[in-house]
Amino acid sequence: MRYFALTVPGLGILLRDEIAGQVEAVGDIEQDGRSDVVPFVASPSLRIETRLAEDLFVEIGSGSAAGPLTRLVGRLWSSRSYDAALPVIALWLGRLGPRPGFHVVARVRAERAFLRTELRDELARAVLRERPRWRLVDPAPLELWALQTRPGRLRLGVRLTDEQMRQRSGREAERPGALRPVVAAAMLRLAGLSAGMSRPLLDPCCGSGTIVREALDVGLNVVAADLDPRAIETARANLPQATRLVVADARALPFRSGFAGAVVSNLPFGRRFPVEQPAVWLRRVFSEFERVAAAGGAIVVLTPRSSAFAAAVLRTRAHSVRARHPIKLLGLPTTIWAFRTPRS
């Protein structure tokens, strides 16, 4: 059975690696203009285990955008292909009954041959011609997504997941600039951590607690800090009561040297969370991260590439960079940097 998964732009290579060991085959990474798209082939009975995908789809059809729109829609949708995918749809969505409500989502990278809305409407008409008892509603338990994932190429899939995959269990309290869970999961993956490690993970700029929540969900011991007491209050509302949270300055952390097995954090940057003299701040912060991290431990941070970061961090630590993943969040470029501290 053919599937595809969506994730944050730039994380496709990590998602591909995450699912490669679970499935029969994984294709090349594609993009639909908003997300990285990872196609793969797997058994209909398989429940994919992933923390890096924001959405999963079972593929109904694919086709070239060349030629009339009706021809493309005929390649994307057919009742026979939908019926072949029913075991997968039932596994993930349950039985929808003979009159399910459905909704069509269309994304195209260019509207030269046809408009996105034209594709959406023509798909809806094609579905209703073959399934006249279905109901076109929004929201709907059955979502059909048509995505242009390569120039001139589209895929149609049934969405198998919901907002819980994107937002996990959600946040009781929100804070501007809160991290997307898949980005937090990617950062933890790059840190190479495993449940049962003797030293805790430290997030010294925890904000609303997204990295902490992801770490706790995979069985890690976590300690978190933030300079802003309001951030700590937000994190407390989002995390289990026993989570250790402290108000502390990342430039002078109240932990002994070698306290943490790894440091993973979304550093403050941009107009929303500016810091004065960013090069000076980054230099002091990274010195503290290296002090509190165990020898050979990972330091993984999310921050854009900048002249301040290059001067304060990369100039003297380029040899310590183990991975660099440029990503886009809300259309804005930033980077996940993974460093490894020297072994004693």
Protein backbone atom coordinates (compact mmCIF):
# COMPACT_ATOMS: atom_id res chain seq x y z
CA MET A 1 0.00 0.00 0.00
CA ARG A 2 1.28 3.48 -0.86
CA TYR A 3 1.38 6.23 1.76
CA PHE A 4 2.90 9.66 2.22
CA ALA A 5 3.75 11.73 5.29
CA LEU A 6 4.11 15.48 5.83
CA THR A 7 6.52 17.30 8.09
CA VAL A 8 8.10 20.72 8.61
CA PRO A 9 10.22 21.85 5.64
CA GLY A 10 13.78 20.67 6.25
CA LEU A 11 12.85 17.70 8.45
CA GLY A 12 12.05 15.32 5.58
CA ILE A 13 15.46 13.65 5.74
CA LEU A 14 15.01 12.90 9.45
CA LEU A 15 11.46 11.64 8.94
CA ARG A 16 12.64 9.43 6.10
CA ASP A 17 15.29 7.89 8.36
CA GLU A 18 12.78 7.47 11.20
CA ILE A 19 10.30 5.41 9.20
CA ALA A 20 12.76 3.60 6.91
CA GLY A 21 13.19 0.69 9.32
CA GLN A 22 9.43 0.19 9.70
CA VAL A 23 8.27 0.11 6.08
CA GLU A 24 8.93 -1.79 2.86
CA ALA A 25 10.33 1.12 0.84
CA VAL A 26 10.78 4.88 1.17
CA GLY A 27 10.85 7.30 -1.76
CA ASP A 28 12.70 10.55 -2.34
CA ILE A 29 11.70 13.62 -0.36
CA GLU A 30 9.24 15.92 -2.14
CA GLN A 31 7.72 19.30 -1.25
CA ASP A 32 4.23 20.72 -1.64
CA GLY A 33 5.19 24.33 -0.93
CA ARG A 34 4.29 24.13 2.77
CA SER A 35 5.68 20.79 3.91
CA ASP A 36 8.27 18.16 3.14
CA VAL A 37 6.51 15.08 1.72
CA VAL A 38 7.91 11.57 2.26
CA PRO A 39 6.26 8.81 0.15
CA PHE A 40 6.60 5.20 1.27
CA VAL A 41 5.20 1.70 0.81
CA ALA A 42 4.04 -0.37 3.78
CA SER A 43 1.69 -3.16 4.80
CA PRO A 44 -1.99 -2.15 5.18
CA SER A 45 -1.96 -3.53 8.72
CA LEU A 46 1.02 -1.46 9.89
CA ARG A 47 0.55 1.36 12.40
CA ILE A 48 3.45 3.68 11.63
CA GLU A 49 5.30 4.87 14.74
CA THR A 50 6.55 8.42 14.17
CA ARG A 51 7.20 11.56 16.16
CA LEU A 52 8.48 13.53 13.18
CA ALA A 53 5.40 13.42 10.91
CA GLU A 54 2.65 16.02 11.25
CA ASP A 55 0.24 14.10 9.02
CA LEU A 56 -0.03 10.63 7.45
CA PHE A 57 -1.99 9.74 4.30
CA VAL A 58 -2.84 6.59 2.41
CA GLU A 59 -2.47 7.32 -1.28
CA ILE A 60 -5.50 6.93 -3.55
CA GLY A 61 -3.90 8.03 -6.81
CA SER A 62 -1.29 10.22 -8.49
CA GLY A 63 -0.99 11.88 -11.86
CA SER A 64 0.59 14.49 -14.09
CA ALA A 65 -0.85 17.99 -14.24
CA ALA A 66 -0.33 18.05 -18.01
CA GLY A 67 -3.53 17.93 -20.03
CA PRO A 68 -7.14 18.64 -19.06
CA LEU A 69 -8.09 18.92 -15.40
CA THR A 70 -10.70 16.19 -15.79
CA ARG A 71 -8.00 13.75 -16.94
CA LEU A 72 -5.85 14.57 -13.90
CA VAL A 73 -8.81 14.09 -11.53
CA GLY A 74 -9.53 10.73 -13.16
CA ARG A 75 -6.00 9.63 -12.31
CA LEU A 76 -6.20 10.92 -8.76
CA TRP A 77 -9.62 9.55 -7.76
CA SER A 78 -11.46 6.31 -8.38
CA SER A 79 -13.84 4.31 -6.21
CA ARG A 80 -11.81 1.19 -6.89
CA SER A 81 -8.61 2.75 -5.51
CA TYR A 82 -10.52 4.09 -2.50
CA ASP A 83 -12.02 0.67 -1.80
CA ALA A 84 -8.55 -0.91 -2.01
CA ALA A 85 -7.42 1.48 0.74
CA LEU A 86 -10.41 0.78 3.02
CA PRO A 87 -8.52 -1.65 5.32
CA VAL A 88 -6.02 1.12 6.06
CA ILE A 89 -8.72 3.77 6.45
CA ALA A 90 -10.71 1.57 8.85
CA LEU A 91 -7.57 0.83 10.89
CA TRP A 92 -6.87 4.52 11.45
CA LEU A 93 -10.30 6.20 11.24
CA GLY A 94 -12.69 3.40 12.15
CA ARG A 95 -15.68 2.47 10.03
CA LEU A 96 -17.22 5.56 8.48
CA GLY A 97 -20.51 4.04 7.33
CA PRO A 98 -22.22 4.26 3.92
CA ARG A 99 -22.80 8.05 4.02
CA PRO A 100 -19.62 9.62 5.37
CA GLY A 101 -19.09 13.33 5.32
CA PHE A 102 -16.04 14.28 3.27
CA HIS A 103 -13.96 17.35 2.58
CA VAL A 104 -11.40 18.09 -0.15
CA VAL A 105 -8.16 20.01 0.40
CA ALA A 106 -6.06 21.05 -2.61
CA ARG A 107 -2.54 22.52 -2.64
CA VAL A 108 -0.73 23.43 -5.85
CA ARG A 109 2.67 25.05 -6.18
CA ALA A 110 1.63 27.07 -9.23
CA GLU A 111 -1.79 27.91 -10.65
CA ARG A 112 -0.79 28.07 -14.32
CA ALA A 113 -2.85 25.17 -15.71
CA PHE A 114 -5.72 25.48 -13.23
CA LEU A 115 -6.61 27.12 -9.95
CA ARG A 116 -6.41 25.32 -6.64
CA THR A 117 -10.11 25.89 -6.13
CA GLU A 118 -10.87 24.39 -9.55
CA LEU A 119 -8.97 21.23 -8.64
CA ARG A 120 -10.77 21.03 -5.29
CA ASP A 121 -14.22 21.45 -6.82
CA GLU A 122 -13.61 19.04 -9.70
CA LEU A 123 -12.41 16.38 -7.26
CA ALA A 124 -15.51 16.85 -5.12
CA ARG A 125 -17.73 16.44 -8.18
CA ALA A 126 -15.87 13.30 -9.26
CA VAL A 127 -16.29 11.75 -5.81
CA LEU A 128 -20.02 12.53 -5.72
CA ARG A 129 -20.56 11.07 -9.17
CA GLU A 130 -19.25 7.71 -7.96
CA ARG A 131 -20.44 8.00 -4.34
CA PRO A 132 -23.69 10.03 -4.53
CA ARG A 133 -24.66 9.14 -0.94
CA TRP A 134 -21.58 10.83 0.49
CA ARG A 135 -22.01 14.31 1.98
CA LEU A 136 -19.73 17.25 1.24
CA VAL A 137 -19.23 18.95 4.62
CA ASP A 138 -16.57 20.88 6.51
CA PRO A 139 -15.25 19.77 8.94
CA ALA A 140 -15.57 16.12 7.94
CA PRO A 141 -14.36 12.76 9.28
CA LEU A 142 -13.00 11.91 5.82
CA GLU A 143 -10.48 14.32 4.31
CA LEU A 144 -9.12 13.95 0.77
CA TRP A 145 -5.92 15.95 0.19
CA ALA A 146 -4.61 16.63 -3.32
CA LEU A 147 -1.03 17.91 -3.14
CA GLN A 148 1.36 18.97 -5.86
CA THR A 149 4.54 17.44 -4.50
CA ARG A 150 6.75 17.84 -7.57
CA PRO A 151 6.59 20.09 -10.62
CA GLY A 152 3.69 18.80 -12.68
CA ARG A 153 2.94 15.88 -10.33
CA LEU A 154 0.11 15.52 -7.80
CA ARG A 155 -0.85 12.95 -5.18
CA LEU A 156 -4.28 12.36 -3.65
CA GLY A 157 -4.51 10.79 -0.20
CA VAL A 158 -6.94 10.14 2.62
CA ARG A 159 -5.75 11.85 5.78
CA LEU A 160 -5.29 9.19 8.45
CA THR A 161 -4.33 11.50 11.32
CA ASP A 162 -5.78 14.50 13.09
CA GLU A 163 -4.59 17.51 15.07
CA GLN A 164 -3.39 15.24 17.88
CA MET A 165 -0.44 14.15 15.74
CA ARG A 166 0.51 17.79 15.09
CA GLN A 167 -0.16 19.12 18.58
CA ARG A 168 0.21 15.88 20.59
CA SER A 169 -1.99 16.33 23.65
CA GLY A 170 -2.10 20.10 23.14
CA ARG A 171 -1.05 22.86 25.52
CA GLU A 172 -3.15 24.06 28.42
CA ALA A 173 -1.43 27.44 28.26
CA GLU A 174 -0.07 29.10 25.12
CA ARG A 175 2.89 31.39 24.70
CA PRO A 176 3.92 33.37 21.59
CA GLY A 177 6.54 31.56 19.54
CA ALA A 178 5.82 28.13 21.05
CA LEU A 179 7.74 25.38 19.27
CA ARG A 180 6.04 22.83 17.04
CA PRO A 181 6.25 19.35 18.60
CA VAL A 182 7.86 17.73 15.53
CA VAL A 183 10.72 20.24 15.71
CA ALA A 184 11.24 19.41 19.38
CA ALA A 185 11.19 15.70 18.49
CA ALA A 186 13.76 16.28 15.73
CA MET A 187 16.05 18.09 18.16
CA LEU A 188 15.84 15.22 20.64
CA ARG A 189 16.56 12.73 17.85
CA LEU A 190 19.68 14.67 16.88
CA ALA A 191 20.81 14.62 20.51
CA GLY A 192 20.90 10.82 20.33
CA LEU A 193 19.26 10.31 23.72
CA SER A 194 17.75 7.13 25.12
CA ALA A 195 15.40 6.40 28.01
CA GLY A 196 17.20 5.33 31.15
CA MET A 197 20.24 7.60 30.72
CA SER A 198 21.77 8.41 34.09
CA ARG A 199 21.99 12.18 33.66
CA PRO A 200 18.94 14.33 32.87
CA LEU A 201 18.26 16.28 29.72
CA LEU A 202 18.44 20.03 30.36
CA ASP A 203 16.40 22.64 28.50
CA PRO A 204 17.71 26.01 29.79
CA CYS A 205 15.31 28.18 27.72
CA CYS A 206 12.18 26.06 28.06
CA GLY A 207 9.47 28.59 27.17
CA SER A 208 6.10 26.82 27.18
CA GLY A 209 7.75 23.43 27.67
CA THR A 210 7.40 21.76 24.26
CA ILE A 211 10.86 20.15 24.28
CA VAL A 212 10.31 19.01 27.86
CA ARG A 213 6.95 17.47 26.95
CA GLU A 214 8.45 15.57 24.03
CA ALA A 215 11.31 14.32 26.17
CA LEU A 216 8.99 13.14 28.94
CA ASP A 217 6.80 11.35 26.40
CA VAL A 218 9.74 9.22 25.24
CA GLY A 219 10.79 8.34 28.79
CA LEU A 220 13.60 10.82 29.42
CA ASN A 221 14.42 12.46 32.73
CA VAL A 222 14.26 16.24 32.22
CA VAL A 223 15.16 19.43 34.07
CA ALA A 224 14.14 22.78 32.57
CA ALA A 225 14.83 26.44 33.24
CA ASP A 226 13.90 29.85 31.89
CA LEU A 227 14.82 33.39 32.85
CA ASP A 228 11.21 34.57 32.52
CA PRO A 229 8.99 33.54 35.47
CA ARG A 230 5.95 33.82 33.18
CA ALA A 231 7.46 31.18 30.91
CA ILE A 232 7.92 28.87 33.89
CA GLU A 233 4.27 29.43 34.87
CA THR A 234 3.19 28.51 31.32
CA ALA A 235 5.40 25.42 31.31
CA ARG A 236 3.98 24.31 34.68
CA ALA A 237 0.48 24.47 33.23
CA ASN A 238 1.54 22.26 30.31
CA LEU A 239 3.66 19.68 32.10
CA PRO A 240 3.22 17.03 34.82
CA GLN A 241 3.29 18.43 38.33
CA ALA A 242 6.52 16.62 39.25
CA THR A 243 8.53 18.16 36.40
CA ARG A 244 11.54 20.06 37.75
CA LEU A 245 11.34 23.67 36.54
CA VAL A 246 13.49 26.52 37.80
CA VAL A 247 13.79 30.23 37.09
CA ALA A 248 17.38 30.70 35.97
CA ASP A 249 19.55 32.67 33.57
CA ALA A 250 21.06 30.53 30.80
CA ARG A 251 24.27 32.54 31.22
CA ALA A 252 24.69 31.38 34.84
CA LEU A 253 22.91 28.07 35.34
CA PRO A 254 22.50 26.77 38.92
CA PHE A 255 23.77 23.27 38.08
CA ARG A 256 27.10 21.59 38.71
CA SER A 257 29.53 20.90 35.89
CA GLY A 258 28.64 17.75 33.95
CA PHE A 259 25.13 17.74 35.43
CA ALA A 260 23.26 17.10 32.16
CA GLY A 261 23.50 14.23 29.73
CA ALA A 262 22.60 16.71 26.98
CA VAL A 263 21.40 20.27 26.50
CA VAL A 264 18.52 20.83 24.04
CA SER A 265 16.85 24.22 23.68
CA ASN A 266 15.05 26.68 21.43
CA LEU A 267 17.11 29.82 21.91
CA PRO A 268 15.39 33.24 22.04
CA PHE A 269 15.75 35.14 18.80
CA GLY A 270 13.90 37.55 16.51
CA ARG A 271 11.68 40.47 17.35
CA ARG A 272 9.49 38.52 19.76
CA PHE A 273 12.29 37.43 22.12
CA PRO A 274 15.30 39.66 21.44
CA VAL A 275 18.48 39.63 23.52
CA GLU A 276 20.86 42.55 23.97
CA GLN A 277 24.30 42.15 22.44
CA PRO A 278 23.46 38.75 20.89
CA ALA A 279 27.09 37.76 20.22
CA VAL A 280 28.05 38.38 23.86
CA TRP A 281 24.93 36.55 25.06
CA LEU A 282 25.56 33.54 22.81
CA ARG A 283 29.20 33.30 23.84
CA ARG A 284 28.30 33.19 27.54
CA VAL A 285 25.38 30.83 27.00
CA PHE A 286 27.39 28.29 25.04
CA SER A 287 30.16 28.36 27.63
CA GLU A 288 27.53 27.47 30.25
CA PHE A 289 26.03 24.74 28.07
CA GLU A 290 29.48 23.17 27.65
CA ARG A 291 30.09 23.40 31.40
CA VAL A 292 26.86 21.69 32.47
CA ALA A 293 26.87 19.06 29.71
CA ALA A 294 28.62 15.77 30.41
CA ALA A 295 31.79 15.02 28.45
CA GLY A 296 30.77 13.82 25.00
CA GLY A 297 27.20 15.04 25.52
CA ALA A 298 25.13 16.73 22.84
CA ILE A 299 24.19 20.39 22.66
CA VAL A 300 21.28 20.89 20.26
CA VAL A 301 19.82 24.34 19.68
CA LEU A 302 17.34 25.99 17.35
CA THR A 303 18.49 29.40 16.16
CA PRO A 304 18.92 31.15 12.80
CA ARG A 305 22.32 31.43 11.22
CA SER A 306 23.51 34.98 11.87
CA SER A 307 26.70 37.01 12.10
CA ALA A 308 26.39 36.92 15.90
CA PHE A 309 26.04 33.12 15.94
CA ALA A 310 28.95 32.73 13.51
CA ALA A 311 31.20 34.99 15.59
CA ALA A 312 30.23 33.74 19.03
CA VAL A 313 29.74 30.02 18.39
CA LEU A 314 30.77 28.69 14.99
CA ARG A 315 34.14 30.45 14.80
CA THR A 316 35.53 28.40 17.67
CA ARG A 317 33.25 25.35 17.55
CA ALA A 318 32.93 24.47 13.88
CA HIS A 319 34.76 21.19 14.58
CA SER A 320 32.09 20.27 17.15
CA VAL A 321 29.14 20.56 14.74
CA ARG A 322 27.70 17.08 14.15
CA ALA A 323 24.58 18.06 12.20
CA ARG A 324 22.93 21.15 10.76
CA HIS A 325 19.34 21.15 9.51
CA PRO A 326 17.96 24.35 7.95
CA ILE A 327 14.17 24.36 8.39
CA LYS A 328 11.27 26.74 7.85
CA LEU A 329 8.76 27.66 10.52
CA LEU A 330 5.78 29.70 9.36
CA GLY A 331 7.77 30.42 6.20
CA LEU A 332 10.76 31.84 8.12
CA PRO A 333 14.18 30.16 7.89
CA THR A 334 15.99 28.94 10.98
CA THR A 335 18.37 26.08 11.75
CA ILE A 336 18.73 23.15 14.13
CA TRP A 337 22.39 22.88 15.18
CA ALA A 338 23.75 19.75 16.87
CA PHE A 339 27.12 20.01 18.65
CA ARG A 340 29.04 17.35 20.57
CA THR A 341 31.16 18.36 23.57
CA PRO A 342 34.70 16.95 23.78
CA ARG A 343 35.18 13.63 25.54
CA SER A 344 37.42 13.81 28.60
